[in-house]
Amino acid sequence: MAPAEQDALAVREQLFHERVRECIICTLLFASLYILCHFIITHFKKHTDFAAVHDDEDAAVNRIALGLCTFTLAVALGAVLLLPFSIISNEVLLSFPRNYYVQWLNGSLIHGLWNLVFLFSNLSLVFLMPFAYFFTESEGFAGSKKVGGPVGVPRPVPLTPGSSLTLFPQGIMARVYETSVVLLLLTLLVLGMVWVASAIVGNNAASRQSLHDLWEYYLPYLYSCISLFGVLLLLLCTPFGLSTMFTVTGKLLVKPRLLEDLDEQLSCTRLEEAAVSRRI
């Protein structure tokens, strides 16, 4: 084999190993965030939300919704921690430029993490969170239920007040179908409103024909607008949260009595005693 081919093969092998390393690191980081977010949600949720459900179908729906919410929280936590992680990794590389064990903190890894966070943020915002909400609220279409079950099966739904026939859903797929249809209709409604608003504001043929630029323009703008709304909400709610936190902390903490004047308290107590005695 020629030296040039060997060099090209070595470069491709190095790129392959770097890609595999980045995939493993991203998987381990996301798995750690997912486990942490799962513990956080299960700690703060009510016990009856996902555990004490007597119907197997409702329990499965709640577990799926819990998984989607955990995934979304893991993505949000990753987006919050990505900037500090980038800064710390840059400082580590500048502090130890020749250390072999920290060379995996390179720009390619940070760039890949930014791309994954951006992709999963859009996916969670546009699809996963609405799907989880509509999925927990769905009951399945009317045509997806069948008649004819014994009365002794748990949670029967009678057809009429005196009938022995009951309605039974065919499973979770009925809810999946209903949720998918509702989410599709909501997506079409939002896109139609955006297109109409763009046509009204633009008032030209180009703005009416710009629907094919959805992925390149509308979704980044939507993500930026929602991020801006979140930042403004944070700026508005932070002062109120801090004032409430200090108020609650002041009520819970005991004020120190080291600098109090005991003579003044005794004089106040004597005056109060004298006033009470005069009233009596």
Protein backbone atom coordinates (compact mmCIF):
# COMPACT_ATOMS: atom_id res chain seq x y z
CA MET A 1 0.00 0.00 0.00
CA ALA A 2 1.28 3.41 -0.97
CA PRO A 3 2.21 5.92 1.76
CA ALA A 4 -0.48 8.33 0.53
CA GLU A 5 -3.15 5.64 0.85
CA GLN A 6 -1.90 4.75 4.32
CA ASP A 7 -2.08 8.39 5.36
CA ALA A 8 -5.62 8.72 3.98
CA LEU A 9 -6.65 5.50 5.74
CA ALA A 10 -5.13 6.74 9.00
CA VAL A 11 -7.01 10.04 8.69
CA ARG A 12 -10.31 8.25 8.02
CA GLU A 13 -9.69 5.90 10.93
CA GLN A 14 -8.95 8.84 13.23
CA LEU A 15 -12.12 10.61 12.11
CA PHE A 16 -14.12 7.43 12.70
CA HIS A 17 -12.75 7.00 16.22
CA GLU A 18 -13.40 10.67 17.03
CA ARG A 19 -16.98 10.33 15.80
CA VAL A 20 -17.54 7.20 17.88
CA ARG A 21 -16.04 8.92 20.92
CA GLU A 22 -18.32 11.93 20.50
CA CYS A 23 -21.38 9.69 20.17
CA ILE A 24 -20.44 7.78 23.33
CA ILE A 25 -19.83 11.00 25.29
CA CYS A 26 -23.13 12.54 24.13
CA THR A 27 -25.00 9.34 25.02
CA LEU A 28 -23.45 9.18 28.49
CA LEU A 29 -24.15 12.86 29.17
CA PHE A 30 -27.76 12.60 28.05
CA ALA A 31 -28.28 9.37 30.01
CA SER A 32 -26.95 11.07 33.15
CA LEU A 33 -29.23 14.07 32.62
CA TYR A 34 -32.21 11.80 31.94
CA ILE A 35 -31.67 9.83 35.16
CA LEU A 36 -31.25 13.04 37.16
CA CYS A 37 -34.42 14.56 35.66
CA HIS A 38 -36.33 11.33 36.32
CA PHE A 39 -35.43 11.53 40.01
CA ILE A 40 -36.37 15.22 40.09
CA ILE A 41 -39.80 14.66 38.54
CA THR A 42 -40.59 11.61 40.66
CA HIS A 43 -39.57 13.58 43.76
CA PHE A 44 -41.83 16.57 43.13
CA LYS A 45 -44.82 14.86 41.49
CA LYS A 46 -47.81 13.66 43.43
CA HIS A 47 -47.89 10.00 44.32
CA THR A 48 -51.30 9.51 42.72
CA ASP A 49 -50.32 11.00 39.38
CA PHE A 50 -48.44 8.05 37.91
CA ALA A 51 -48.40 5.27 40.49
CA ALA A 52 -51.85 4.80 42.01
CA VAL A 53 -53.74 4.25 38.77
CA HIS A 54 -55.91 1.13 38.78
CA ASP A 55 -56.35 0.88 35.02
CA ASP A 56 -53.43 -0.63 33.11
CA GLU A 57 -54.10 1.57 30.08
CA ASP A 58 -54.12 4.79 32.12
CA ALA A 59 -50.97 3.66 33.93
CA ALA A 60 -49.21 3.03 30.62
CA VAL A 61 -50.33 6.44 29.30
CA ASN A 62 -49.03 8.13 32.44
CA ARG A 63 -45.70 6.32 32.15
CA ILE A 64 -45.33 7.43 28.53
CA ALA A 65 -46.18 11.02 29.49
CA LEU A 66 -43.65 10.80 32.33
CA GLY A 67 -40.97 9.63 29.89
CA LEU A 68 -41.72 12.48 27.48
CA CYS A 69 -41.65 15.06 30.27
CA THR A 70 -38.40 13.63 31.58
CA PHE A 71 -36.86 13.81 28.10
CA THR A 72 -37.97 17.42 27.72
CA LEU A 73 -36.59 18.38 31.13
CA ALA A 74 -33.29 16.65 30.31
CA VAL A 75 -33.03 18.65 27.07
CA ALA A 76 -33.82 21.89 28.91
CA LEU A 77 -31.25 21.13 31.60
CA GLY A 78 -28.71 20.29 28.91
CA ALA A 79 -29.40 23.60 27.18
CA VAL A 80 -28.87 25.44 30.47
CA LEU A 81 -25.64 23.63 31.30
CA LEU A 82 -24.19 23.73 27.79
CA LEU A 83 -22.76 27.25 28.02
CA PRO A 84 -20.98 26.64 31.37
CA PHE A 85 -19.73 23.32 30.02
CA SER A 86 -18.31 25.08 26.95
CA ILE A 87 -16.58 27.71 29.08
CA ILE A 88 -15.13 25.16 31.51
CA SER A 89 -13.91 22.89 28.72
CA ASN A 90 -12.20 25.82 27.00
CA GLU A 91 -10.47 26.82 30.24
CA VAL A 92 -9.35 23.22 30.83
CA LEU A 93 -7.89 22.99 27.34
CA LEU A 94 -6.07 26.31 27.81
CA SER A 95 -4.74 25.20 31.18
CA PHE A 96 -3.59 21.76 29.99
CA PRO A 97 -2.86 22.11 26.27
CA ARG A 98 -0.65 19.00 26.06
CA ASN A 99 -2.55 16.68 28.34
CA TYR A 100 -3.76 13.62 26.47
CA TYR A 101 -6.68 12.89 28.81
CA VAL A 102 -8.51 16.17 28.18
CA GLN A 103 -8.15 16.33 24.41
CA TRP A 104 -11.66 14.92 24.00
CA LEU A 105 -12.97 18.33 25.12
CA ASN A 106 -12.50 19.76 21.64
CA GLY A 107 -14.50 22.10 19.47
CA SER A 108 -16.07 19.29 17.48
CA LEU A 109 -17.69 17.86 20.62
CA ILE A 110 -19.03 21.26 21.71
CA HIS A 111 -20.36 21.97 18.23
CA GLY A 112 -22.06 18.58 18.11
CA LEU A 113 -23.64 19.17 21.52
CA TRP A 114 -24.95 22.56 20.40
CA ASN A 115 -26.51 21.00 17.30
CA LEU A 116 -28.13 18.20 19.32
CA VAL A 117 -29.50 20.60 21.90
CA PHE A 118 -30.94 22.84 19.18
CA LEU A 119 -32.54 19.86 17.40
CA PHE A 120 -34.00 18.28 20.54
CA SER A 121 -35.19 21.66 21.82
CA ASN A 122 -37.23 22.23 18.67
CA LEU A 123 -38.48 18.63 18.80
CA SER A 124 -39.54 18.94 22.44
CA LEU A 125 -41.12 22.33 21.96
CA VAL A 126 -43.06 21.57 18.77
CA PHE A 127 -43.89 17.87 19.18
CA LEU A 128 -43.13 16.16 22.51
CA MET A 129 -44.73 18.55 25.01
CA PRO A 130 -47.99 19.02 23.03
CA PHE A 131 -48.09 15.27 22.35
CA ALA A 132 -47.69 14.46 26.06
CA TYR A 133 -50.51 16.85 27.00
CA PHE A 134 -52.95 15.69 24.33
CA PHE A 135 -52.01 12.07 24.98
CA THR A 136 -52.97 12.27 28.66
CA GLU A 137 -56.22 14.06 27.79
CA SER A 138 -57.23 11.72 24.95
CA GLU A 139 -59.75 8.90 25.25
CA GLY A 140 -59.70 7.42 21.76
CA PHE A 141 -62.10 7.88 18.88
CA ALA A 142 -65.64 6.59 19.21
CA GLY A 143 -65.17 4.13 16.34
CA SER A 144 -62.11 2.58 17.98
CA LYS A 145 -64.13 1.04 20.80
CA LYS A 146 -65.82 -2.33 20.68
CA VAL A 147 -68.94 -3.65 22.36
CA GLY A 148 -69.35 -6.81 24.31
CA GLY A 149 -67.47 -7.46 27.48
CA PRO A 150 -68.56 -9.04 30.73
CA VAL A 151 -69.82 -6.78 33.42
CA GLY A 152 -67.24 -7.95 35.94
CA VAL A 153 -64.24 -6.44 34.10
CA PRO A 154 -62.80 -3.42 35.98
CA ARG A 155 -63.97 0.05 35.01
CA PRO A 156 -66.82 -0.83 32.62
CA VAL A 157 -68.61 1.92 30.73
CA PRO A 158 -72.25 0.91 30.24
CA LEU A 159 -74.02 1.80 27.02
CA THR A 160 -77.30 2.57 28.73
CA PRO A 161 -78.23 2.75 32.41
CA GLY A 162 -79.78 -0.74 32.41
CA SER A 163 -77.62 -2.50 29.81
CA SER A 164 -75.18 -5.36 30.48
CA LEU A 165 -73.00 -4.51 27.44
CA THR A 166 -69.96 -2.36 27.97
CA LEU A 167 -67.53 -0.34 25.88
CA PHE A 168 -63.83 -1.26 25.95
CA PRO A 169 -61.00 0.63 24.19
CA GLN A 170 -58.81 -1.48 21.97
CA GLY A 171 -55.68 -0.18 23.66
CA ILE A 172 -53.28 2.71 23.71
CA MET A 173 -53.20 2.93 19.92
CA ALA A 174 -56.66 4.53 19.94
CA ARG A 175 -55.28 7.34 22.06
CA VAL A 176 -52.19 7.57 19.88
CA TYR A 177 -54.38 7.99 16.78
CA GLU A 178 -56.50 10.67 18.41
CA THR A 179 -53.45 12.52 19.74
CA SER A 180 -51.73 12.39 16.33
CA VAL A 181 -54.80 13.77 14.58
CA VAL A 182 -55.26 16.57 17.12
CA LEU A 183 -51.58 17.47 16.93
CA LEU A 184 -51.69 17.48 13.13
CA LEU A 185 -54.73 19.77 13.13
CA LEU A 186 -53.06 22.08 15.64
CA THR A 187 -49.90 22.19 13.49
CA LEU A 188 -51.93 23.04 10.39
CA LEU A 189 -53.79 25.73 12.34
CA VAL A 190 -50.58 27.34 13.61
CA LEU A 191 -48.92 27.20 10.18
CA GLY A 192 -52.03 28.66 8.56
CA MET A 193 -52.14 31.52 11.05
CA VAL A 194 -48.43 32.22 10.52
CA TRP A 195 -48.86 32.16 6.75
CA VAL A 196 -51.91 34.45 6.88
CA ALA A 197 -50.12 36.85 9.21
CA SER A 198 -47.08 36.89 6.91
CA ALA A 199 -49.31 37.52 3.90
CA ILE A 200 -51.13 40.36 5.66
CA VAL A 201 -47.95 42.02 6.87
CA GLY A 202 -46.00 41.49 3.65
CA ASN A 203 -48.90 42.20 1.26
CA ASN A 204 -47.08 40.83 -1.77
CA ALA A 205 -46.86 37.62 -3.78
CA ALA A 206 -43.48 36.65 -2.40
CA SER A 207 -44.75 36.54 1.19
CA ARG A 208 -47.68 34.33 0.14
CA GLN A 209 -45.35 31.90 -1.59
CA SER A 210 -42.81 31.68 1.23
CA LEU A 211 -44.35 28.64 2.93
CA HIS A 212 -41.59 26.42 1.53
CA ASP A 213 -39.11 28.33 3.70
CA LEU A 214 -40.62 26.80 6.84
CA TRP A 215 -37.53 24.90 7.99
CA GLU A 216 -35.06 27.64 7.10
CA TYR A 217 -36.90 30.68 8.44
CA TYR A 218 -40.09 30.07 10.39
CA LEU A 219 -38.84 27.44 12.83
CA PRO A 220 -35.67 29.36 13.80
CA TYR A 221 -37.73 32.53 14.19
CA LEU A 222 -40.29 30.63 16.27
CA TYR A 223 -37.52 29.22 18.46
CA SER A 224 -35.96 32.67 18.85
CA CYS A 225 -39.29 34.30 19.70
CA ILE A 226 -40.10 31.66 22.32
CA SER A 227 -36.59 32.00 23.77
CA LEU A 228 -37.04 35.78 23.91
CA PHE A 229 -40.40 35.34 25.62
CA GLY A 230 -38.78 33.01 28.17
CA VAL A 231 -36.00 35.51 28.87
CA LEU A 232 -38.49 38.36 29.32
CA LEU A 233 -40.60 36.20 31.61
CA LEU A 234 -37.48 35.37 33.62
CA LEU A 235 -36.57 39.05 33.93
CA LEU A 236 -40.08 39.91 35.06
CA CYS A 237 -40.50 37.04 37.51
CA THR A 238 -37.04 37.14 39.09
CA PRO A 239 -37.63 40.29 41.23
CA PHE A 240 -40.97 38.96 42.49
CA GLY A 241 -39.40 35.59 43.24
CA LEU A 242 -36.51 37.16 45.13
CA SER A 243 -38.84 39.40 47.16
CA THR A 244 -41.05 36.42 48.02
CA MET A 245 -38.00 34.34 48.94
CA PHE A 246 -36.65 37.03 51.28
CA THR A 247 -40.12 37.52 52.81
CA VAL A 248 -40.54 33.82 53.54
CA THR A 249 -36.97 33.56 54.82
CA GLY A 250 -37.52 36.53 57.14
CA LYS A 251 -40.65 34.89 58.55
CA LEU A 252 -38.96 31.54 59.10
CA LEU A 253 -35.68 32.74 60.57
CA VAL A 254 -35.45 33.88 64.18
CA LYS A 255 -34.08 37.38 64.60
CA PRO A 256 -30.97 37.61 66.79
CA ARG A 257 -31.36 39.24 70.19
CA LEU A 258 -27.73 40.09 70.76
CA LEU A 259 -28.10 43.83 70.19
CA GLU A 260 -31.34 44.32 72.11
CA ASP A 261 -31.42 46.67 75.10
CA LEU A 262 -32.74 44.80 78.16
CA ASP A 263 -33.29 47.99 80.19
CA GLU A 264 -35.53 49.38 77.47
CA GLN A 265 -37.54 46.15 77.39
CA LEU A 266 -37.92 46.23 81.19
CA SER A 267 -39.13 49.82 81.08
CA CYS A 268 -41.63 48.97 78.35
CA THR A 269 -42.86 46.01 80.37
CA ARG A 270 -43.31 48.18 83.48
CA LEU A 271 -45.25 50.80 81.49
CA GLU A 272 -47.52 48.11 80.04
CA GLU A 273 -48.06 46.66 83.53
CA ALA A 274 -48.90 50.11 84.89
CA ALA A 275 -51.35 50.75 82.06
CA VAL A 276 -53.11 47.42 82.68
CA SER A 277 -53.28 48.08 86.41
CA ARG A 278 -54.89 51.52 85.82
CA ARG A 279 -57.51 49.93 83.57
CA ILE A 280 -58.33 47.38 86.23
